[in-house]
């Protein structure tokens, strides 16, 4: 597999963050966002093309999992908002 371009990596990052915003529960939403940011920070210094491709592939698989989980969580969304979301 060829190493992904910078644009593809940024698109994956944005897609993961966008999917994180779809979770109705505050805790799951923030966890997904934090895990995404931490994962990209951890892999920012990768230079070996095979490791970059493997990390990109793992990120894409995590995106698919997050999309499925967002749908499932939306079906069983809590009726009460989190304390963090109250105004």
Protein backbone atom coordinates (compact mmCIF):
# COMPACT_ATOMS: atom_id res chain seq x y z
CA UNK A 1 0.00 0.00 0.00
CA UNK A 2 1.30 3.45 -0.89
CA UNK A 3 1.82 6.02 1.80
CA UNK A 4 -1.21 8.35 2.09
CA UNK A 5 -0.85 11.98 1.14
CA UNK A 6 -1.09 14.79 3.67
CA UNK A 7 -4.53 15.69 2.32
CA UNK A 8 -5.81 12.15 2.83
CA UNK A 9 -4.55 12.15 6.42
CA UNK A 10 -6.22 15.51 7.12
CA UNK A 11 -9.44 14.27 5.57
CA UNK A 12 -9.36 11.22 7.83
CA UNK A 13 -8.73 13.44 10.86
CA UNK A 14 -11.65 15.72 9.99
CA UNK A 15 -13.92 12.74 9.33
CA UNK A 16 -13.11 11.24 12.72
CA UNK A 17 -13.84 14.55 14.47
CA UNK A 18 -17.06 14.98 12.50
CA UNK A 19 -18.16 11.48 13.46
CA UNK A 20 -17.33 12.21 17.10
CA UNK A 21 -19.77 15.15 17.02
CA UNK A 22 -22.58 12.77 16.05
CA UNK A 23 -22.58 10.96 19.41
CA UNK A 24 -25.52 12.16 21.51
CA UNK A 25 -23.81 11.38 24.82
CA UNK A 26 -21.32 14.02 26.02
CA UNK A 27 -18.89 11.55 27.58
CA UNK A 28 -18.66 9.32 24.51
CA UNK A 29 -18.40 12.36 22.22
CA UNK A 30 -15.52 13.86 24.20
CA UNK A 31 -13.76 10.52 24.56
CA UNK A 32 -13.89 9.92 20.81
CA UNK A 33 -12.60 13.42 20.10
CA UNK A 34 -9.78 13.10 22.64
CA UNK A 35 -8.77 9.66 21.38
CA UNK A 36 -8.67 10.94 17.79
CA UNK A 37 -6.45 13.90 18.66
CA UNK A 38 -4.15 11.77 20.83
CA UNK A 39 -3.80 9.12 18.14
CA UNK A 40 -2.80 11.63 15.50
CA UNK A 41 -0.34 13.34 17.85
CA UNK A 42 1.20 9.99 18.69
CA UNK A 43 1.76 9.16 15.02
CA UNK A 44 2.77 12.60 13.76
CA UNK A 45 6.49 11.74 13.67
CA UNK A 46 6.16 8.50 11.70
CA UNK A 47 8.46 8.51 8.71
CA UNK A 48 8.56 4.89 7.57
CA UNK A 49 6.06 4.61 4.68
CA UNK A 50 4.89 1.16 5.74
CA UNK A 51 4.20 2.36 9.30
CA UNK A 52 2.41 5.45 7.99
CA UNK A 53 0.27 3.28 5.72
CA UNK A 54 -0.50 0.90 8.60
CA UNK A 55 -1.49 3.78 10.90
CA UNK A 56 -3.67 5.28 8.15
CA UNK A 57 -5.35 1.93 7.56
CA UNK A 58 -6.00 1.55 11.30
CA UNK A 59 -7.48 5.05 11.37
CA UNK A 60 -9.84 4.24 8.51
CA UNK A 61 -11.01 1.09 10.26
CA UNK A 62 -11.56 3.09 13.46
CA UNK A 63 -13.61 5.60 11.44
CA UNK A 64 -15.91 2.84 10.24
CA UNK A 65 -16.32 1.53 13.79
CA UNK A 66 -17.07 5.04 15.08
CA UNK A 67 -19.69 5.61 12.37
CA UNK A 68 -21.47 2.37 13.27
CA UNK A 69 -21.31 3.15 16.98
CA UNK A 70 -22.70 6.65 16.43
CA UNK A 71 -25.76 5.13 14.78
CA UNK A 72 -26.24 2.64 17.61
CA UNK A 73 -25.80 5.31 20.29
CA UNK A 74 -28.27 7.59 18.53
CA UNK A 75 -30.90 4.85 18.72
CA UNK A 76 -30.50 4.67 22.49
CA UNK A 77 -29.75 8.31 23.27
CA UNK A 78 -30.19 9.35 26.90
CA UNK A 79 -33.26 11.44 27.68
CA UNK A 80 -31.38 13.68 30.13
CA UNK A 81 -28.52 15.94 29.09
CA UNK A 82 -25.16 15.74 30.80
CA UNK A 83 -24.29 18.33 33.43
CA UNK A 84 -21.59 19.60 31.05
CA UNK A 85 -24.22 20.43 28.42
CA UNK A 86 -26.60 22.38 30.65
CA UNK A 87 -26.63 26.16 30.27
